[in-house]
Amino acid sequence: MTSVRLPLFPLNSVLFPGLVLPLNVFEARYRAMMRDLLAQPEDERRFGVIAIRDGREVAPTAQGMPDATLPAADGPAAGFGDDPMQAFHSVGCIADAATIREKSAADDTGYEVLATGTTRFRLRSVDASGPYLMGELEELEESQGEGAGALASGVVRAFRTYQKRLAWAHERTLSSSQDLPADPSVLSYLVAAAAVLDVPAKQQLLQAPDTAARLAQELKLLRHESALLGKLPSLPAVDLTRQPTSPN
């Protein structure tokens, strides 16, 4: 396994390999991170995205609009307690920053970033001595596992059913189905990102030991969620399906 030292960007969402991550960066610690990344060659602008555990204060720098009710962050580990390792999940995803655009050089208002998930990692340690968190990351290889191909076929069928029932529960028209990737690993990450699941469920999918294990989890989750969606119209809580969800 390869070990690398990279800047850490904690989020209240999960990034998967192959998925695009737009970021609106305005906190001082993350502005400093982006300035340093811009000083690197374009093919070396990498950082680690790690999901914040439930019950911890979420840093306001994330996707979407900032929460004006949160206090301004002060220091690289602000909001994550005395031991940031305990605030984060153990497995994350390395992001490759394809675009880092400064909003206003005059007053340093922040950056708009477009990154793509590349490789999963296991977080080994966190260094809070600099302007932003740095992590020692152990890159994780993706192995297919036993029966990944057969499981992938089942996941495709289950995901199609899930999409239809989700669209129906939202009273929307399902657009023409796009082709899903044939590669089981790519499929497993795409379905994990697209399914409407909470952060702990997505985190479990990210840290699955291999593709087959991830697909098996997804097959179970999709069937369960589809069954619930099929019953929702007869329940008083049907409006729960219309709540906004994380893009990740």
C-alpha atoms as a PDB file:
ATOM      1  CA  MET A   1       0.000   0.000   0.000  1.00  0.00           C
ATOM      2  CA  THR A   2       1.173   3.516  -0.855  1.00  0.00           C
ATOM      3  CA  SER A   3       1.268   6.178   1.855  1.00  0.00           C
ATOM      4  CA  VAL A   4       0.983   9.866   0.981  1.00  0.00           C
ATOM      5  CA  ARG A   5       0.761  13.128   2.912  1.00  0.00           C
ATOM      6  CA  LEU A   6      -1.973  15.418   1.612  1.00  0.00           C
ATOM      7  CA  PRO A   7      -4.167  18.330   2.776  1.00  0.00           C
ATOM      8  CA  LEU A   8      -7.462  17.227   4.328  1.00  0.00           C
ATOM      9  CA  PHE A   9     -10.846  18.679   3.389  1.00  0.00           C
ATOM     10  CA  PRO A  10     -13.551  17.411   5.811  1.00  0.00           C
ATOM     11  CA  LEU A  11     -17.134  17.403   4.526  1.00  0.00           C
ATOM     12  CA  ASN A  12     -20.550  16.352   5.780  1.00  0.00           C
ATOM     13  CA  SER A  13     -20.865  14.154   2.684  1.00  0.00           C
ATOM     14  CA  VAL A  14     -19.038  11.221   1.077  1.00  0.00           C
ATOM     15  CA  LEU A  15     -16.981  11.437  -2.106  1.00  0.00           C
ATOM     16  CA  PHE A  16     -16.596   8.350  -4.317  1.00  0.00           C
ATOM     17  CA  PRO A  17     -13.910   7.633  -6.949  1.00  0.00           C
ATOM     18  CA  GLY A  18     -14.942   8.889 -10.371  1.00  0.00           C
ATOM     19  CA  LEU A  19     -17.485  11.377  -9.029  1.00  0.00           C
ATOM     20  CA  VAL A  20     -17.244  15.154  -9.471  1.00  0.00           C
ATOM     21  CA  LEU A  21     -17.043  17.396  -6.402  1.00  0.00           C
ATOM     22  CA  PRO A  22     -17.851  21.148  -6.693  1.00  0.00           C
ATOM     23  CA  LEU A  23     -16.716  23.225  -3.709  1.00  0.00           C
ATOM     24  CA  ASN A  24     -17.338  26.784  -2.591  1.00  0.00           C
ATOM     25  CA  VAL A  25     -14.290  27.609  -0.450  1.00  0.00           C
ATOM     26  CA  PHE A  26     -14.407  30.649   1.823  1.00  0.00           C
ATOM     27  CA  GLU A  27     -12.921  29.707   5.233  1.00  0.00           C
ATOM     28  CA  ALA A  28      -9.413  30.987   5.910  1.00  0.00           C
ATOM     29  CA  ARG A  29      -7.940  27.509   6.474  1.00  0.00           C
ATOM     30  CA  TYR A  30      -9.285  26.167   3.177  1.00  0.00           C
ATOM     31  CA  ARG A  31      -8.406  29.328   1.260  1.00  0.00           C
ATOM     32  CA  ALA A  32      -4.823  28.778   2.424  1.00  0.00           C
ATOM     33  CA  MET A  33      -5.055  25.174   1.218  1.00  0.00           C
ATOM     34  CA  MET A  34      -6.214  26.244  -2.245  1.00  0.00           C
ATOM     35  CA  ARG A  35      -3.488  28.879  -2.510  1.00  0.00           C
ATOM     36  CA  ASP A  36      -0.885  26.206  -1.795  1.00  0.00           C
ATOM     37  CA  LEU A  37      -2.474  23.788  -4.267  1.00  0.00           C
ATOM     38  CA  LEU A  38      -2.398  26.465  -6.969  1.00  0.00           C
ATOM     39  CA  ALA A  39       1.346  26.735  -6.423  1.00  0.00           C
ATOM     40  CA  GLN A  40       1.697  23.034  -7.308  1.00  0.00           C
ATOM     41  CA  PRO A  41       1.868  21.623 -10.860  1.00  0.00           C
ATOM     42  CA  GLU A  42      -1.608  20.946 -12.260  1.00  0.00           C
ATOM     43  CA  ASP A  43      -1.195  17.165 -12.023  1.00  0.00           C
ATOM     44  CA  GLU A  44      -0.240  17.358  -8.329  1.00  0.00           C
ATOM     45  CA  ARG A  45      -3.184  19.346  -6.965  1.00  0.00           C
ATOM     46  CA  ARG A  46      -4.579  16.586  -4.781  1.00  0.00           C
ATOM     47  CA  PHE A  47      -6.269  16.633  -1.381  1.00  0.00           C
ATOM     48  CA  GLY A  48      -8.071  14.122   0.800  1.00  0.00           C
ATOM     49  CA  VAL A  49     -11.838  14.376   1.292  1.00  0.00           C
ATOM     50  CA  ILE A  50     -13.023  12.781   4.524  1.00  0.00           C
ATOM     51  CA  ALA A  51     -16.562  12.586   5.917  1.00  0.00           C
ATOM     52  CA  ILE A  52     -17.269  14.029   9.353  1.00  0.00           C
ATOM     53  CA  ARG A  53     -18.793  11.638  11.865  1.00  0.00           C
ATOM     54  CA  ASP A  54     -22.344  12.237  13.105  1.00  0.00           C
ATOM     55  CA  GLY A  55     -22.600  14.392  16.186  1.00  0.00           C
ATOM     56  CA  ARG A  56     -19.617  16.568  15.299  1.00  0.00           C
ATOM     57  CA  GLU A  57     -19.783  20.213  14.327  1.00  0.00           C
ATOM     58  CA  VAL A  58     -19.690  20.451  10.549  1.00  0.00           C
ATOM     59  CA  ALA A  59     -17.279  22.977   9.077  1.00  0.00           C
ATOM     60  CA  PRO A  60     -19.362  25.438   7.027  1.00  0.00           C
ATOM     61  CA  THR A  61     -17.079  25.174   3.988  1.00  0.00           C
ATOM     62  CA  ALA A  62     -18.897  22.596   1.904  1.00  0.00           C
ATOM     63  CA  GLN A  63     -21.181  22.273  -1.071  1.00  0.00           C
ATOM     64  CA  GLY A  64     -24.029  24.755  -1.307  1.00  0.00           C
ATOM     65  CA  MET A  65     -24.567  27.904   0.743  1.00  0.00           C
ATOM     66  CA  PRO A  66     -22.728  28.521   4.037  1.00  0.00           C
ATOM     67  CA  ASP A  67     -24.647  28.446   7.311  1.00  0.00           C
ATOM     68  CA  ALA A  68     -24.540  31.991   8.609  1.00  0.00           C
ATOM     69  CA  THR A  69     -25.550  30.846  12.123  1.00  0.00           C
ATOM     70  CA  LEU A  70     -22.271  28.986  12.631  1.00  0.00           C
ATOM     71  CA  PRO A  71     -19.352  30.794  14.323  1.00  0.00           C
ATOM     72  CA  ALA A  72     -16.352  31.643  12.192  1.00  0.00           C
ATOM     73  CA  ALA A  73     -13.729  28.918  12.255  1.00  0.00           C
ATOM     74  CA  ASP A  74     -10.418  29.699  13.935  1.00  0.00           C
ATOM     75  CA  GLY A  75      -7.480  27.400  13.368  1.00  0.00           C
ATOM     76  CA  PRO A  76      -6.952  24.280  11.269  1.00  0.00           C
ATOM     77  CA  ALA A  77      -8.877  21.945  13.603  1.00  0.00           C
ATOM     78  CA  ALA A  78     -11.692  24.330  14.613  1.00  0.00           C
ATOM     79  CA  GLY A  79     -14.942  22.433  15.090  1.00  0.00           C
ATOM     80  CA  PHE A  80     -13.273  19.020  15.223  1.00  0.00           C
ATOM     81  CA  GLY A  81     -12.240  18.792  18.884  1.00  0.00           C
ATOM     82  CA  ASP A  82      -8.874  18.109  20.494  1.00  0.00           C
ATOM     83  CA  ASP A  83      -8.338  14.950  18.416  1.00  0.00           C
ATOM     84  CA  PRO A  84      -9.520  15.450  14.817  1.00  0.00           C
ATOM     85  CA  MET A  85      -8.942  11.756  14.099  1.00  0.00           C
ATOM     86  CA  GLN A  86     -11.973  10.999  16.274  1.00  0.00           C
ATOM     87  CA  ALA A  87     -14.127  13.484  14.339  1.00  0.00           C
ATOM     88  CA  PHE A  88     -13.640  11.827  10.956  1.00  0.00           C
ATOM     89  CA  HIS A  89     -14.499   8.497   9.398  1.00  0.00           C
ATOM     90  CA  SER A  90     -11.494   6.287   8.781  1.00  0.00           C
ATOM     91  CA  VAL A  91     -11.850   5.937   4.990  1.00  0.00           C
ATOM     92  CA  GLY A  92     -12.038   8.794   2.507  1.00  0.00           C
ATOM     93  CA  CYS A  93     -11.315   9.594  -1.122  1.00  0.00           C
ATOM     94  CA  ILE A  94      -8.466  11.508  -2.729  1.00  0.00           C
ATOM     95  CA  ALA A  95      -9.676  14.362  -4.933  1.00  0.00           C
ATOM     96  CA  ASP A  96      -7.883  15.743  -7.968  1.00  0.00           C
ATOM     97  CA  ALA A  97      -8.553  19.480  -8.332  1.00  0.00           C
ATOM     98  CA  ALA A  98      -9.058  20.031 -12.050  1.00  0.00           C
ATOM     99  CA  THR A  99     -10.156  23.651 -11.566  1.00  0.00           C
ATOM    100  CA  ILE A 100      -9.362  26.142  -8.794  1.00  0.00           C
ATOM    101  CA  ARG A 101     -10.727  29.592  -9.579  1.00  0.00           C
ATOM    102  CA  GLU A 102     -10.142  32.551  -7.284  1.00  0.00           C
ATOM    103  CA  LYS A 103     -13.303  34.621  -6.848  1.00  0.00           C
ATOM    104  CA  SER A 104     -11.574  37.915  -6.129  1.00  0.00           C
ATOM    105  CA  ALA A 105      -7.833  38.350  -5.810  1.00  0.00           C
ATOM    106  CA  ALA A 106      -8.327  41.850  -4.374  1.00  0.00           C
ATOM    107  CA  ASP A 107      -9.997  40.851  -1.111  1.00  0.00           C
ATOM    108  CA  ASP A 108      -9.329  37.067  -0.983  1.00  0.00           C
ATOM    109  CA  THR A 109     -13.028  36.162  -0.835  1.00  0.00           C
ATOM    110  CA  GLY A 110     -12.558  32.510  -1.691  1.00  0.00           C
ATOM    111  CA  TYR A 111     -12.326  29.937  -4.438  1.00  0.00           C
ATOM    112  CA  GLU A 112     -14.592  27.908  -6.649  1.00  0.00           C
ATOM    113  CA  VAL A 113     -13.166  24.409  -6.996  1.00  0.00           C
ATOM    114  CA  LEU A 114     -14.092  21.518  -9.237  1.00  0.00           C
ATOM    115  CA  ALA A 115     -12.456  18.244  -8.237  1.00  0.00           C
ATOM    116  CA  THR A 116     -12.874  14.566  -9.091  1.00  0.00           C
ATOM    117  CA  GLY A 117     -12.601  11.612  -6.734  1.00  0.00           C
ATOM    118  CA  THR A 118      -9.768   9.254  -7.669  1.00  0.00           C
ATOM    119  CA  THR A 119      -8.567   6.758  -5.046  1.00  0.00           C
ATOM    120  CA  ARG A 120      -9.884   5.614  -1.689  1.00  0.00           C
ATOM    121  CA  PHE A 121      -7.624   6.000   1.333  1.00  0.00           C
ATOM    122  CA  ARG A 122      -7.432   5.033   4.973  1.00  0.00           C
ATOM    123  CA  LEU A 123      -6.659   7.915   7.322  1.00  0.00           C
ATOM    124  CA  ARG A 124      -3.622   7.030   9.456  1.00  0.00           C
ATOM    125  CA  SER A 125      -2.909  10.320  11.225  1.00  0.00           C
ATOM    126  CA  VAL A 126      -3.814  14.009  11.241  1.00  0.00           C
ATOM    127  CA  ASP A 127      -1.381  16.915  11.625  1.00  0.00           C
ATOM    128  CA  ALA A 128      -2.922  20.183  12.855  1.00  0.00           C
ATOM    129  CA  SER A 129       0.320  22.144  13.206  1.00  0.00           C
ATOM    130  CA  GLY A 130      -0.033  24.146   9.979  1.00  0.00           C
ATOM    131  CA  PRO A 131      -2.633  26.533   8.555  1.00  0.00           C
ATOM    132  CA  TYR A 132      -4.871  23.589   7.581  1.00  0.00           C
ATOM    133  CA  LEU A 133      -5.135  19.908   8.416  1.00  0.00           C
ATOM    134  CA  MET A 134      -2.710  17.498   6.790  1.00  0.00           C
ATOM    135  CA  GLY A 135      -3.307  13.765   6.736  1.00  0.00           C
ATOM    136  CA  GLU A 136      -1.121  10.700   6.384  1.00  0.00           C
ATOM    137  CA  LEU A 137      -3.151   8.636   3.933  1.00  0.00           C
ATOM    138  CA  GLU A 138      -2.779   4.988   2.983  1.00  0.00           C
ATOM    139  CA  GLU A 139      -4.086   4.515  -0.550  1.00  0.00           C
ATOM    140  CA  LEU A 140      -6.446   1.545  -0.878  1.00  0.00           C
ATOM    141  CA  GLU A 141      -6.471  -0.735  -3.900  1.00  0.00           C
ATOM    142  CA  GLU A 142      -9.839  -1.733  -5.356  1.00  0.00           C
ATOM    143  CA  SER A 143     -10.206  -5.478  -5.868  1.00  0.00           C
ATOM    144  CA  GLN A 144     -13.181  -7.064  -7.631  1.00  0.00           C
ATOM    145  CA  GLY A 145     -13.922  -9.791  -5.118  1.00  0.00           C
ATOM    146  CA  GLU A 146     -15.815 -12.978  -5.853  1.00  0.00           C
ATOM    147  CA  GLY A 147     -18.946 -12.776  -7.995  1.00  0.00           C
ATOM    148  CA  ALA A 148     -18.729  -9.054  -8.793  1.00  0.00           C
ATOM    149  CA  GLY A 149     -19.984  -9.541 -12.359  1.00  0.00           C
ATOM    150  CA  ALA A 150     -23.128 -11.414 -11.377  1.00  0.00           C
ATOM    151  CA  LEU A 151     -23.840  -8.980  -8.547  1.00  0.00           C
ATOM    152  CA  ALA A 152     -23.439  -6.056 -10.944  1.00  0.00           C
ATOM    153  CA  SER A 153     -26.235  -7.396 -13.159  1.00  0.00           C
ATOM    154  CA  GLY A 154     -28.531  -7.636 -10.147  1.00  0.00           C
ATOM    155  CA  VAL A 155     -27.627  -4.126  -9.006  1.00  0.00           C
ATOM    156  CA  VAL A 156     -28.427  -2.692 -12.455  1.00  0.00           C
ATOM    157  CA  ARG A 157     -31.933  -4.202 -12.347  1.00  0.00           C
ATOM    158  CA  ALA A 158     -32.499  -3.137  -8.735  1.00  0.00           C
ATOM    159  CA  PHE A 159     -31.245   0.376  -9.437  1.00  0.00           C
ATOM    160  CA  ARG A 160     -33.613   0.782 -12.404  1.00  0.00           C
ATOM    161  CA  THR A 161     -36.554  -0.229 -10.209  1.00  0.00           C
ATOM    162  CA  TYR A 162     -35.366   2.115  -7.465  1.00  0.00           C
ATOM    163  CA  GLN A 163     -35.084   5.031  -9.918  1.00  0.00           C
ATOM    164  CA  LYS A 164     -38.618   4.505 -11.187  1.00  0.00           C
ATOM    165  CA  ARG A 165     -40.141   4.303  -7.711  1.00  0.00           C
ATOM    166  CA  LEU A 166     -38.148   7.283  -6.492  1.00  0.00           C
ATOM    167  CA  ALA A 167     -39.317   9.381  -9.440  1.00  0.00           C
ATOM    168  CA  TRP A 168     -42.919   8.271  -8.848  1.00  0.00           C
ATOM    169  CA  ALA A 169     -42.712   9.105  -5.123  1.00  0.00           C
ATOM    170  CA  HIS A 170     -41.455  12.576  -6.043  1.00  0.00           C
ATOM    171  CA  GLU A 171     -44.263  12.925  -8.621  1.00  0.00           C
ATOM    172  CA  ARG A 172     -41.692  13.402 -11.368  1.00  0.00           C
ATOM    173  CA  THR A 173     -41.262  11.933 -14.803  1.00  0.00           C
ATOM    174  CA  LEU A 174     -38.256   9.667 -15.149  1.00  0.00           C
ATOM    175  CA  SER A 175     -36.113  10.746 -18.077  1.00  0.00           C
ATOM    176  CA  SER A 176     -34.894   8.190 -20.574  1.00  0.00           C
ATOM    177  CA  SER A 177     -32.573   5.764 -18.847  1.00  0.00           C
ATOM    178  CA  GLN A 178     -28.893   6.310 -19.479  1.00  0.00           C
ATOM    179  CA  ASP A 179     -26.584   3.386 -19.937  1.00  0.00           C
ATOM    180  CA  LEU A 180     -24.915   2.314 -16.718  1.00  0.00           C
ATOM    181  CA  PRO A 181     -21.193   1.459 -16.759  1.00  0.00           C
ATOM    182  CA  ALA A 182     -20.302  -2.159 -17.454  1.00  0.00           C
ATOM    183  CA  ASP A 183     -17.301  -2.165 -15.130  1.00  0.00           C
ATOM    184  CA  PRO A 184     -18.511  -3.508 -11.744  1.00  0.00           C
ATOM    185  CA  SER A 185     -16.277  -1.173  -9.706  1.00  0.00           C
ATOM    186  CA  VAL A 186     -17.329   1.948 -11.594  1.00  0.00           C
ATOM    187  CA  LEU A 187     -20.961   0.844 -11.349  1.00  0.00           C
ATOM    188  CA  SER A 188     -20.673   0.300  -7.604  1.00  0.00           C
ATOM    189  CA  TYR A 189     -19.396   3.841  -7.035  1.00  0.00           C
ATOM    190  CA  LEU A 190     -21.945   5.452  -9.353  1.00  0.00           C
ATOM    191  CA  VAL A 191     -24.875   3.712  -7.653  1.00  0.00           C
ATOM    192  CA  ALA A 192     -23.477   4.545  -4.203  1.00  0.00           C
ATOM    193  CA  ALA A 193     -23.301   8.229  -5.128  1.00  0.00           C
ATOM    194  CA  ALA A 194     -26.696   8.350  -6.860  1.00  0.00           C
ATOM    195  CA  ALA A 195     -28.768   6.556  -4.222  1.00  0.00           C
ATOM    196  CA  VAL A 196     -30.578   8.776  -1.704  1.00  0.00           C
ATOM    197  CA  LEU A 197     -28.886   7.538   1.455  1.00  0.00           C
ATOM    198  CA  ASP A 198     -27.596   9.180   4.610  1.00  0.00           C
ATOM    199  CA  VAL A 199     -23.885   9.727   5.253  1.00  0.00           C
ATOM    200  CA  PRO A 200     -23.364   6.613   7.443  1.00  0.00           C
ATOM    201  CA  ALA A 201     -24.878   4.370   4.739  1.00  0.00           C
ATOM    202  CA  LYS A 202     -22.773   5.948   2.001  1.00  0.00           C
ATOM    203  CA  GLN A 203     -19.699   5.702   4.209  1.00  0.00           C
ATOM    204  CA  GLN A 204     -20.268   1.972   4.654  1.00  0.00           C
ATOM    205  CA  LEU A 205     -20.364   1.603   0.872  1.00  0.00           C
ATOM    206  CA  LEU A 206     -17.161   3.606   0.427  1.00  0.00           C
ATOM    207  CA  GLN A 207     -15.228   1.467   2.879  1.00  0.00           C
ATOM    208  CA  ALA A 208     -16.474  -1.911   1.624  1.00  0.00           C
ATOM    209  CA  PRO A 209     -13.486  -4.287   1.352  1.00  0.00           C
ATOM    210  CA  ASP A 210     -13.995  -4.969  -2.371  1.00  0.00           C
ATOM    211  CA  THR A 211     -16.343  -4.341  -5.290  1.00  0.00           C
ATOM    212  CA  ALA A 212     -18.366  -7.506  -4.739  1.00  0.00           C
ATOM    213  CA  ALA A 213     -19.014  -6.609  -1.088  1.00  0.00           C
ATOM    214  CA  ARG A 214     -20.095  -3.090  -2.095  1.00  0.00           C
ATOM    215  CA  LEU A 215     -22.439  -4.401  -4.772  1.00  0.00           C
ATOM    216  CA  ALA A 216     -23.948  -6.909  -2.334  1.00  0.00           C
ATOM    217  CA  GLN A 217     -24.629  -4.089   0.141  1.00  0.00           C
ATOM    218  CA  GLU A 218     -26.152  -1.968  -2.618  1.00  0.00           C
ATOM    219  CA  LEU A 219     -28.405  -4.772  -3.791  1.00  0.00           C
ATOM    220  CA  LYS A 220     -29.780  -5.142  -0.276  1.00  0.00           C
ATOM    221  CA  LEU A 221     -30.182  -1.377   0.191  1.00  0.00           C
ATOM    222  CA  LEU A 222     -31.842  -0.814  -3.191  1.00  0.00           C
ATOM    223  CA  ARG A 223     -34.364  -3.578  -2.641  1.00  0.00           C
ATOM    224  CA  HIS A 224     -35.153  -2.262   0.825  1.00  0.00           C
ATOM    225  CA  GLU A 225     -35.508   1.351  -0.349  1.00  0.00           C
ATOM    226  CA  SER A 226     -37.624   0.322  -3.353  1.00  0.00           C
ATOM    227  CA  ALA A 227     -39.953  -1.632  -1.079  1.00  0.00           C
ATOM    228  CA  LEU A 228     -40.349   1.397   1.195  1.00  0.00           C
ATOM    229  CA  LEU A 229     -40.980   3.727  -1.748  1.00  0.00           C
ATOM    230  CA  GLY A 230     -43.633   1.351  -3.037  1.00  0.00           C
ATOM    231  CA  LYS A 231     -45.528   1.709   0.248  1.00  0.00           C
ATOM    232  CA  LEU A 232     -45.018   5.435   0.852  1.00  0.00           C
ATOM    233  CA  PRO A 233     -48.119   6.736  -1.020  1.00  0.00           C
ATOM    234  CA  SER A 234     -50.336   4.976   1.528  1.00  0.00           C
ATOM    235  CA  LEU A 235     -48.463   6.431   4.499  1.00  0.00           C
ATOM    236  CA  PRO A 236     -48.987   9.850   6.157  1.00  0.00           C
ATOM    237  CA  ALA A 237     -45.243  10.577   5.876  1.00  0.00           C
ATOM    238  CA  VAL A 238     -45.127  10.522   2.080  1.00  0.00           C
ATOM    239  CA  ASP A 239     -43.780  14.097   2.032  1.00  0.00           C
ATOM    240  CA  LEU A 240     -40.547  12.807   3.583  1.00  0.00           C
ATOM    241  CA  THR A 241     -39.500  11.765   0.081  1.00  0.00           C
ATOM    242  CA  ARG A 242     -39.518  15.372  -1.016  1.00  0.00           C
ATOM    243  CA  GLN A 243     -36.822  16.522   1.392  1.00  0.00           C
ATOM    244  CA  PRO A 244     -33.652  17.941  -0.212  1.00  0.00           C
ATOM    245  CA  THR A 245     -30.703  15.570  -0.361  1.00  0.00           C
ATOM    246  CA  SER A 246     -26.952  15.903  -0.593  1.00  0.00           C
ATOM    247  CA  PRO A 247     -25.535  15.905  -4.151  1.00  0.00           C
ATOM    248  CA  ASN A 248     -23.099  13.257  -2.884  1.00  0.00           C
END
